[in-house]
Each structure stands twice: as structure tokens, then as C-alpha cells.
Amino acid sequence: PWEGALQKRKTLVLDLDETLIHCLENTECESDLKLKTVIDSTTVDIELVIRPYALTFLKKISKKWEVIIFTASHQNYADVILD
């Protein structure tokens, strides 16, 4: 009886950094996204490059798969990017 309650979707786990986005250290490069977040009580400017086709891939895959994004970075950093 409980088997019918399970979702048929598979789960895909992706790493945020270097897989979906790249955080720029060299501000001379052109970024796709500029954000601010607070890490350890310090406001930090974040400049990111989104990997080619990453957003298209996520939109398509999320229709049939449960997508989980992992990072070893600070939660505030990840939250602002994923939002």
C-alpha cells in the first residue's frame, strides 16, 4: 500500500561550484550575475559566471527529476545564488 505513495521521479544531485556556476576571483572578467551576501558578519560581493546551458538543463531536468544542489560553501552564499 505505501509503494503507491512513493514518487516515480529519480533524484539528481549536482555540485553548485564549478559545475553549474563559477565564482570569479578576477573582476576584470565579465560576469553573468553580481550579488551581495553576508558571510561571517561581512558583506561580500559575488560575481558569477553561469556555465553554458546550465539554466536550460536545470529547467528541463527538473520536470522529471528531483534536483538537489550541493555545495561545501557557506549557506548564505548558496541561498543567494539559488534564489
PDB file of N, CA and C in Angstrom:
ATOM      1  N   PRO A   1       0.804  -1.208   0.000  1.00  0.00           N
ATOM      2  CA  PRO A   1       0.000   0.000   0.000  1.00  0.00           C
ATOM      3  C   PRO A   1       0.846   1.270   0.000  1.00  0.00           C
ATOM      4  N   TRP A   2       1.935   1.328   0.746  1.00  0.00           N
ATOM      5  CA  TRP A   2       2.762   2.523   0.809  1.00  0.00           C
ATOM      6  C   TRP A   2       3.561   2.730  -0.467  1.00  0.00           C
ATOM      7  N   GLU A   3       3.729   1.694  -1.267  1.00  0.00           N
ATOM      8  CA  GLU A   3       4.507   1.808  -2.504  1.00  0.00           C
ATOM      9  C   GLU A   3       3.878   2.802  -3.472  1.00  0.00           C
ATOM     10  N   GLY A   4       2.567   2.895  -3.501  1.00  0.00           N
ATOM     11  CA  GLY A   4       1.894   3.827  -4.387  1.00  0.00           C
ATOM     12  C   GLY A   4       2.159   5.279  -4.022  1.00  0.00           C
ATOM     13  N   ALA A   5       2.550   5.518  -2.773  1.00  0.00           N
ATOM     14  CA  ALA A   5       2.791   6.886  -2.320  1.00  0.00           C
ATOM     15  C   ALA A   5       4.175   7.392  -2.741  1.00  0.00           C
ATOM     16  N   LEU A   6       5.069   6.490  -3.086  1.00  0.00           N
ATOM     17  CA  LEU A   6       6.415   6.901  -3.491  1.00  0.00           C
ATOM     18  C   LEU A   6       6.387   7.566  -4.858  1.00  0.00           C
ATOM     19  N   GLN A   7       7.150   8.613  -4.999  1.00  0.00           N
ATOM     20  CA  GLN A   7       7.234   9.290  -6.283  1.00  0.00           C
ATOM     21  C   GLN A   7       8.041   8.440  -7.252  1.00  0.00           C
ATOM     22  N   LYS A   8       7.709   8.520  -8.504  1.00  0.00           N
ATOM     23  CA  LYS A   8       8.407   7.775  -9.544  1.00  0.00           C
ATOM     24  C   LYS A   8       9.635   8.533 -10.038  1.00  0.00           C
ATOM     25  N   ARG A   9       9.819   9.781  -9.580  1.00  0.00           N
ATOM     26  CA  ARG A   9      10.938  10.594 -10.040  1.00  0.00           C
ATOM     27  C   ARG A   9      12.251  10.136  -9.417  1.00  0.00           C
ATOM     28  N   LYS A  10      13.299  10.203 -10.196  1.00  0.00           N
ATOM     29  CA  LYS A  10      14.637   9.916  -9.691  1.00  0.00           C
ATOM     30  C   LYS A  10      15.231  11.205  -9.154  1.00  0.00           C
ATOM     31  N   THR A  11      16.310  11.084  -8.395  1.00  0.00           N
ATOM     32  CA  THR A  11      16.963  12.240  -7.797  1.00  0.00           C
ATOM     33  C   THR A  11      18.322  12.448  -8.454  1.00  0.00           C
ATOM     34  N   LEU A  12      18.609  13.692  -8.796  1.00  0.00           N
ATOM     35  CA  LEU A  12      19.890  14.073  -9.367  1.00  0.00           C
ATOM     36  C   LEU A  12      20.536  15.080  -8.421  1.00  0.00           C
ATOM     37  N   VAL A  13      21.759  14.791  -7.966  1.00  0.00           N
ATOM     38  CA  VAL A  13      22.490  15.682  -7.069  1.00  0.00           C
ATOM     39  C   VAL A  13      23.612  16.333  -7.869  1.00  0.00           C
ATOM     40  N   LEU A  14      23.643  17.668  -7.841  1.00  0.00           N
ATOM     41  CA  LEU A  14      24.656  18.427  -8.579  1.00  0.00           C
ATOM     42  C   LEU A  14      25.434  19.326  -7.627  1.00  0.00           C
ATOM     43  N   ASP A  15      26.708  19.490  -7.906  1.00  0.00           N
ATOM     44  CA  ASP A  15      27.533  20.422  -7.143  1.00  0.00           C
ATOM     45  C   ASP A  15      27.362  21.813  -7.736  1.00  0.00           C
ATOM     46  N   LEU A  16      27.148  22.799  -6.904  1.00  0.00           N
ATOM     47  CA  LEU A  16      26.930  24.167  -7.367  1.00  0.00           C
ATOM     48  C   LEU A  16      28.197  24.756  -7.986  1.00  0.00           C
ATOM     49  N   ASP A  17      29.271  24.775  -7.207  1.00  0.00           N
ATOM     50  CA  ASP A  17      30.506  25.428  -7.638  1.00  0.00           C
ATOM     51  C   ASP A  17      31.271  24.575  -8.641  1.00  0.00           C
ATOM     52  N   GLU A  18      31.670  25.217  -9.700  1.00  0.00           N
ATOM     53  CA  GLU A  18      32.451  24.628 -10.789  1.00  0.00           C
ATOM     54  C   GLU A  18      31.655  23.671 -11.672  1.00  0.00           C
ATOM     55  N   THR A  19      30.435  23.331 -11.279  1.00  0.00           N
ATOM     56  CA  THR A  19      29.581  22.502 -12.132  1.00  0.00           C
ATOM     57  C   THR A  19      28.513  23.377 -12.778  1.00  0.00           C
ATOM     58  N   LEU A  20      27.780  24.126 -11.981  1.00  0.00           N
ATOM     59  CA  LEU A  20      26.718  24.994 -12.500  1.00  0.00           C
ATOM     60  C   LEU A  20      27.162  26.449 -12.645  1.00  0.00           C
ATOM     61  N   ILE A  21      28.008  26.879 -11.742  1.00  0.00           N
ATOM     62  CA  ILE A  21      28.488  28.265 -11.779  1.00  0.00           C
ATOM     63  C   ILE A  21      29.982  28.289 -11.491  1.00  0.00           C
ATOM     64  N   HIS A  22      30.582  29.436 -11.795  1.00  0.00           N
ATOM     65  CA  HIS A  22      31.981  29.668 -11.451  1.00  0.00           C
ATOM     66  C   HIS A  22      32.054  31.039 -10.808  1.00  0.00           C
ATOM     67  N   CYS A  23      32.583  31.094  -9.614  1.00  0.00           N
ATOM     68  CA  CYS A  23      32.717  32.361  -8.894  1.00  0.00           C
ATOM     69  C   CYS A  23      34.019  33.022  -9.345  1.00  0.00           C
ATOM     70  N   LEU A  24      33.903  34.266  -9.813  1.00  0.00           N
ATOM     71  CA  LEU A  24      35.065  34.972 -10.352  1.00  0.00           C
ATOM     72  C   LEU A  24      35.922  35.563  -9.248  1.00  0.00           C
ATOM     73  N   GLU A  25      37.193  35.342  -9.363  1.00  0.00           N
ATOM     74  CA  GLU A  25      38.140  35.991  -8.464  1.00  0.00           C
ATOM     75  C   GLU A  25      38.758  37.197  -9.163  1.00  0.00           C
ATOM     76  N   ASN A  26      38.867  37.098 -10.467  1.00  0.00           N
ATOM     77  CA  ASN A  26      39.418  38.179 -11.269  1.00  0.00           C
ATOM     78  C   ASN A  26      38.261  39.032 -11.768  1.00  0.00           C
ATOM     79  N   THR A  27      38.090  40.213 -11.206  1.00  0.00           N
ATOM     80  CA  THR A  27      36.942  41.052 -11.551  1.00  0.00           C
ATOM     81  C   THR A  27      37.085  41.721 -12.915  1.00  0.00           C
ATOM     82  N   GLU A  28      38.201  41.470 -13.616  1.00  0.00           N
ATOM     83  CA  GLU A  28      38.355  42.001 -14.970  1.00  0.00           C
ATOM     84  C   GLU A  28      37.544  41.181 -15.970  1.00  0.00           C
ATOM     85  N   CYS A  29      37.171  39.965 -15.607  1.00  0.00           N
ATOM     86  CA  CYS A  29      36.355  39.123 -16.474  1.00  0.00           C
ATOM     87  C   CYS A  29      34.903  39.566 -16.377  1.00  0.00           C
ATOM     88  N   GLU A  30      34.151  39.341 -17.430  1.00  0.00           N
ATOM     89  CA  GLU A  30      32.745  39.715 -17.431  1.00  0.00           C
ATOM     90  C   GLU A  30      31.917  38.648 -16.723  1.00  0.00           C
ATOM     91  N   SER A  31      31.062  39.085 -15.804  1.00  0.00           N
ATOM     92  CA  SER A  31      30.236  38.149 -15.042  1.00  0.00           C
ATOM     93  C   SER A  31      28.813  38.130 -15.584  1.00  0.00           C
ATOM     94  N   ASP A  32      28.108  37.020 -15.323  1.00  0.00           N
ATOM     95  CA  ASP A  32      26.699  36.901 -15.686  1.00  0.00           C
ATOM     96  C   ASP A  32      25.793  37.440 -14.588  1.00  0.00           C
ATOM     97  N   LEU A  33      26.294  37.418 -13.367  1.00  0.00           N
ATOM     98  CA  LEU A  33      25.470  37.749 -12.217  1.00  0.00           C
ATOM     99  C   LEU A  33      26.335  38.381 -11.136  1.00  0.00           C
ATOM    100  N   LYS A  34      25.836  39.464 -10.537  1.00  0.00           N
ATOM    101  CA  LYS A  34      26.528  40.119  -9.422  1.00  0.00           C
ATOM    102  C   LYS A  34      25.571  40.155  -8.240  1.00  0.00           C
ATOM    103  N   LEU A  35      26.015  39.626  -7.116  1.00  0.00           N
ATOM    104  CA  LEU A  35      25.181  39.526  -5.927  1.00  0.00           C
ATOM    105  C   LEU A  35      25.944  39.999  -4.707  1.00  0.00           C
ATOM    106  N   LYS A  36      25.206  40.260  -3.633  1.00  0.00           N
ATOM    107  CA  LYS A  36      25.805  40.562  -2.330  1.00  0.00           C
ATOM    108  C   LYS A  36      25.246  39.569  -1.327  1.00  0.00           C
ATOM    109  N   THR A  37      26.088  39.126  -0.417  1.00  0.00           N
ATOM    110  CA  THR A  37      25.643  38.268   0.671  1.00  0.00           C
ATOM    111  C   THR A  37      26.472  38.582   1.903  1.00  0.00           C
ATOM    112  N   VAL A  38      26.037  38.094   3.045  1.00  0.00           N
ATOM    113  CA  VAL A  38      26.770  38.290   4.294  1.00  0.00           C
ATOM    114  C   VAL A  38      27.346  36.941   4.713  1.00  0.00           C
ATOM    115  N   ILE A  39      28.662  36.920   4.871  1.00  0.00           N
ATOM    116  CA  ILE A  39      29.361  35.713   5.322  1.00  0.00           C
ATOM    117  C   ILE A  39      30.213  36.105   6.518  1.00  0.00           C
ATOM    118  N   ASP A  40      29.997  35.440   7.636  1.00  0.00           N
ATOM    119  CA  ASP A  40      30.740  35.732   8.866  1.00  0.00           C
ATOM    120  C   ASP A  40      30.692  37.226   9.212  1.00  0.00           C
ATOM    121  N   SER A  41      29.497  37.815   9.164  1.00  0.00           N
ATOM    122  CA  SER A  41      29.233  39.218   9.510  1.00  0.00           C
ATOM    123  C   SER A  41      29.881  40.228   8.553  1.00  0.00           C
ATOM    124  N   THR A  42      30.332  39.765   7.392  1.00  0.00           N
ATOM    125  CA  THR A  42      30.942  40.643   6.410  1.00  0.00           C
ATOM    126  C   THR A  42      30.144  40.591   5.119  1.00  0.00           C
ATOM    127  N   THR A  43      29.806  41.760   4.563  1.00  0.00           N
ATOM    128  CA  THR A  43      29.115  41.802   3.280  1.00  0.00           C
ATOM    129  C   THR A  43      30.127  41.512   2.181  1.00  0.00           C
ATOM    130  N   VAL A  44      29.769  40.562   1.328  1.00  0.00           N
ATOM    131  CA  VAL A  44      30.675  40.107   0.278  1.00  0.00           C
ATOM    132  C   VAL A  44      29.997  40.298  -1.074  1.00  0.00           C
ATOM    133  N   ASP A  45      30.728  40.888  -2.023  1.00  0.00           N
ATOM    134  CA  ASP A  45      30.257  40.981  -3.401  1.00  0.00           C
ATOM    135  C   ASP A  45      30.651  39.699  -4.118  1.00  0.00           C
ATOM    136  N   ILE A  46      29.696  39.107  -4.823  1.00  0.00           N
ATOM    137  CA  ILE A  46      29.937  37.855  -5.536  1.00  0.00           C
ATOM    138  C   ILE A  46      29.693  38.105  -7.020  1.00  0.00           C
ATOM    139  N   GLU A  47      30.643  37.739  -7.844  1.00  0.00           N
ATOM    140  CA  GLU A  47      30.469  37.804  -9.289  1.00  0.00           C
ATOM    141  C   GLU A  47      30.554  36.385  -9.827  1.00  0.00           C
ATOM    142  N   LEU A  48      29.560  36.008 -10.622  1.00  0.00           N
ATOM    143  CA  LEU A  48      29.449  34.630 -11.081  1.00  0.00           C
ATOM    144  C   LEU A  48      29.352  34.533 -12.587  1.00  0.00           C
ATOM    145  N   VAL A  49      29.863  33.440 -13.091  1.00  0.00           N
ATOM    146  CA  VAL A  49      29.636  33.053 -14.476  1.00  0.00           C
ATOM    147  C   VAL A  49      28.798  31.783 -14.421  1.00  0.00           C
ATOM    148  N   ILE A  50      27.669  31.807 -15.105  1.00  0.00           N
ATOM    149  CA  ILE A  50      26.814  30.618 -15.169  1.00  0.00           C
ATOM    150  C   ILE A  50      27.313  29.753 -16.316  1.00  0.00           C
ATOM    151  N   ARG A  51      27.510  28.476 -16.053  1.00  0.00           N
ATOM    152  CA  ARG A  51      28.010  27.569 -17.081  1.00  0.00           C
ATOM    153  C   ARG A  51      27.059  27.543 -18.276  1.00  0.00           C
ATOM    154  N   PRO A  52      27.614  27.421 -19.479  1.00  0.00           N
ATOM    155  CA  PRO A  52      26.753  27.389 -20.663  1.00  0.00           C
ATOM    156  C   PRO A  52      25.689  26.298 -20.554  1.00  0.00           C
ATOM    157  N   TYR A  53      24.461  26.670 -20.846  1.00  0.00           N
ATOM    158  CA  TYR A  53      23.295  25.782 -20.865  1.00  0.00           C
ATOM    159  C   TYR A  53      22.886  25.246 -19.496  1.00  0.00           C
ATOM    160  N   ALA A  54      23.488  25.734 -18.415  1.00  0.00           N
ATOM    161  CA  ALA A  54      23.138  25.241 -17.079  1.00  0.00           C
ATOM    162  C   ALA A  54      21.674  25.519 -16.743  1.00  0.00           C
ATOM    163  N   LEU A  55      21.196  26.717 -17.035  1.00  0.00           N
ATOM    164  CA  LEU A  55      19.804  27.055 -16.712  1.00  0.00           C
ATOM    165  C   LEU A  55      18.830  26.255 -17.570  1.00  0.00           C
ATOM    166  N   THR A  56      19.142  26.091 -18.845  1.00  0.00           N
ATOM    167  CA  THR A  56      18.303  25.274 -19.730  1.00  0.00           C
ATOM    168  C   THR A  56      18.258  23.837 -19.236  1.00  0.00           C
ATOM    169  N   PHE A  57      19.406  23.311 -18.868  1.00  0.00           N
ATOM    170  CA  PHE A  57      19.489  21.947 -18.350  1.00  0.00           C
ATOM    171  C   PHE A  57      18.640  21.784 -17.095  1.00  0.00           C
ATOM    172  N   LEU A  58      18.766  22.722 -16.150  1.00  0.00           N
ATOM    173  CA  LEU A  58      18.009  22.629 -14.897  1.00  0.00           C
ATOM    174  C   LEU A  58      16.507  22.711 -15.134  1.00  0.00           C
ATOM    175  N   LYS A  59      16.082  23.584 -16.035  1.00  0.00           N
ATOM    176  CA  LYS A  59      14.647  23.708 -16.335  1.00  0.00           C
ATOM    177  C   LYS A  59      14.095  22.412 -16.922  1.00  0.00           C
ATOM    178  N   LYS A  60      14.851  21.810 -17.820  1.00  0.00           N
ATOM    179  CA  LYS A  60      14.375  20.580 -18.460  1.00  0.00           C
ATOM    180  C   LYS A  60      14.414  19.392 -17.503  1.00  0.00           C
ATOM    181  N   ILE A  61      15.505  19.223 -16.800  1.00  0.00           N
ATOM    182  CA  ILE A  61      15.674  18.044 -15.942  1.00  0.00           C
ATOM    183  C   ILE A  61      14.721  18.088 -14.749  1.00  0.00           C
ATOM    184  N   SER A  62      14.388  19.297 -14.261  1.00  0.00           N
ATOM    185  CA  SER A  62      13.543  19.403 -13.077  1.00  0.00           C
ATOM    186  C   SER A  62      12.082  19.031 -13.345  1.00  0.00           C
ATOM    187  N   LYS A  63      11.713  18.902 -14.600  1.00  0.00           N
ATOM    188  CA  LYS A  63      10.351  18.482 -14.930  1.00  0.00           C
ATOM    189  C   LYS A  63      10.120  17.013 -14.606  1.00  0.00           C
ATOM    190  N   LYS A  64      11.184  16.210 -14.655  1.00  0.00           N
ATOM    191  CA  LYS A  64      11.026  14.777 -14.424  1.00  0.00           C
ATOM    192  C   LYS A  64      11.879  14.241 -13.278  1.00  0.00           C
ATOM    193  N   TRP A  65      12.832  15.028 -12.835  1.00  0.00           N
ATOM    194  CA  TRP A  65      13.739  14.598 -11.782  1.00  0.00           C
ATOM    195  C   TRP A  65      13.646  15.545 -10.590  1.00  0.00           C
ATOM    196  N   GLU A  66      13.896  15.014  -9.406  1.00  0.00           N
ATOM    197  CA  GLU A  66      14.095  15.847  -8.219  1.00  0.00           C
ATOM    198  C   GLU A  66      15.551  16.301  -8.275  1.00  0.00           C
ATOM    199  N   VAL A  67      15.794  17.597  -8.230  1.00  0.00           N
ATOM    200  CA  VAL A  67      17.154  18.130  -8.338  1.00  0.00           C
ATOM    201  C   VAL A  67      17.590  18.661  -6.968  1.00  0.00           C
ATOM    202  N   ILE A  68      18.737  18.190  -6.524  1.00  0.00           N
ATOM    203  CA  ILE A  68      19.332  18.649  -5.270  1.00  0.00           C
ATOM    204  C   ILE A  68      20.667  19.290  -5.617  1.00  0.00           C
ATOM    205  N   ILE A  69      20.871  20.516  -5.118  1.00  0.00           N
ATOM    206  CA  ILE A  69      22.112  21.241  -5.365  1.00  0.00           C
ATOM    207  C   ILE A  69      22.948  21.206  -4.094  1.00  0.00           C
ATOM    208  N   PHE A  70      24.193  20.784  -4.215  1.00  0.00           N
ATOM    209  CA  PHE A  70      25.115  20.644  -3.090  1.00  0.00           C
ATOM    210  C   PHE A  70      26.235  21.670  -3.222  1.00  0.00           C
ATOM    211  N   THR A  71      26.690  22.193  -2.100  1.00  0.00           N
ATOM    212  CA  THR A  71      27.912  22.988  -2.063  1.00  0.00           C
ATOM    213  C   THR A  71      28.562  22.843  -0.699  1.00  0.00           C
ATOM    214  N   ALA A  72      29.868  22.951  -0.680  1.00  0.00           N
ATOM    215  CA  ALA A  72      30.603  22.933   0.585  1.00  0.00           C
ATOM    216  C   ALA A  72      30.798  24.365   1.104  1.00  0.00           C
ATOM    217  N   SER A  73      30.316  25.338   0.355  1.00  0.00           N
ATOM    218  CA  SER A  73      30.445  26.748   0.735  1.00  0.00           C
ATOM    219  C   SER A  73      29.423  27.133   1.798  1.00  0.00           C
ATOM    220  N   HIS A  74      29.476  28.388   2.212  1.00  0.00           N
ATOM    221  CA  HIS A  74      28.544  28.914   3.215  1.00  0.00           C
ATOM    222  C   HIS A  74      27.105  28.844   2.708  1.00  0.00           C
ATOM    223  N   GLN A  75      26.181  28.605   3.615  1.00  0.00           N
ATOM    224  CA  GLN A  75      24.770  28.529   3.251  1.00  0.00           C
ATOM    225  C   GLN A  75      24.264  29.865   2.701  1.00  0.00           C
ATOM    226  N   ASN A  76      24.680  30.983   3.293  1.00  0.00           N
ATOM    227  CA  ASN A  76      24.243  32.296   2.794  1.00  0.00           C
ATOM    228  C   ASN A  76      24.639  32.479   1.342  1.00  0.00           C
ATOM    229  N   TYR A  77      25.830  32.070   0.994  1.00  0.00           N
ATOM    230  CA  TYR A  77      26.344  32.146  -0.371  1.00  0.00           C
ATOM    231  C   TYR A  77      25.470  31.304  -1.305  1.00  0.00           C
ATOM    232  N   ALA A  78      25.217  30.080  -0.919  1.00  0.00           N
ATOM    233  CA  ALA A  78      24.402  29.188  -1.748  1.00  0.00           C
ATOM    234  C   ALA A  78      22.971  29.688  -1.872  1.00  0.00           C
ATOM    235  N   ASP A  79      22.390  30.139  -0.779  1.00  0.00           N
ATOM    236  CA  ASP A  79      20.997  30.615  -0.796  1.00  0.00           C
ATOM    237  C   ASP A  79      20.809  31.777  -1.760  1.00  0.00           C
ATOM    238  N   VAL A  80      21.708  32.754  -1.732  1.00  0.00           N
ATOM    239  CA  VAL A  80      21.557  33.919  -2.593  1.00  0.00           C
ATOM    240  C   VAL A  80      21.719  33.540  -4.058  1.00  0.00           C
ATOM    241  N   ILE A  81      22.576  32.616  -4.362  1.00  0.00           N
ATOM    242  CA  ILE A  81      22.766  32.170  -5.747  1.00  0.00           C
ATOM    243  C   ILE A  81      21.556  31.377  -6.219  1.00  0.00           C
ATOM    244  N   LEU A  82      21.106  30.433  -5.409  1.00  0.00           N
ATOM    245  CA  LEU A  82      19.980  29.579  -5.832  1.00  0.00           C
ATOM    246  C   LEU A  82      18.680  30.365  -5.927  1.00  0.00           C
ATOM    247  N   ASP A  83      18.521  31.369  -5.067  1.00  0.00           N
ATOM    248  CA  ASP A  83      17.315  32.208  -5.148  1.00  0.00           C
ATOM    249  C   ASP A  83      17.294  32.948  -6.470  1.00  0.00           C
TER     250      ASP A  83
END
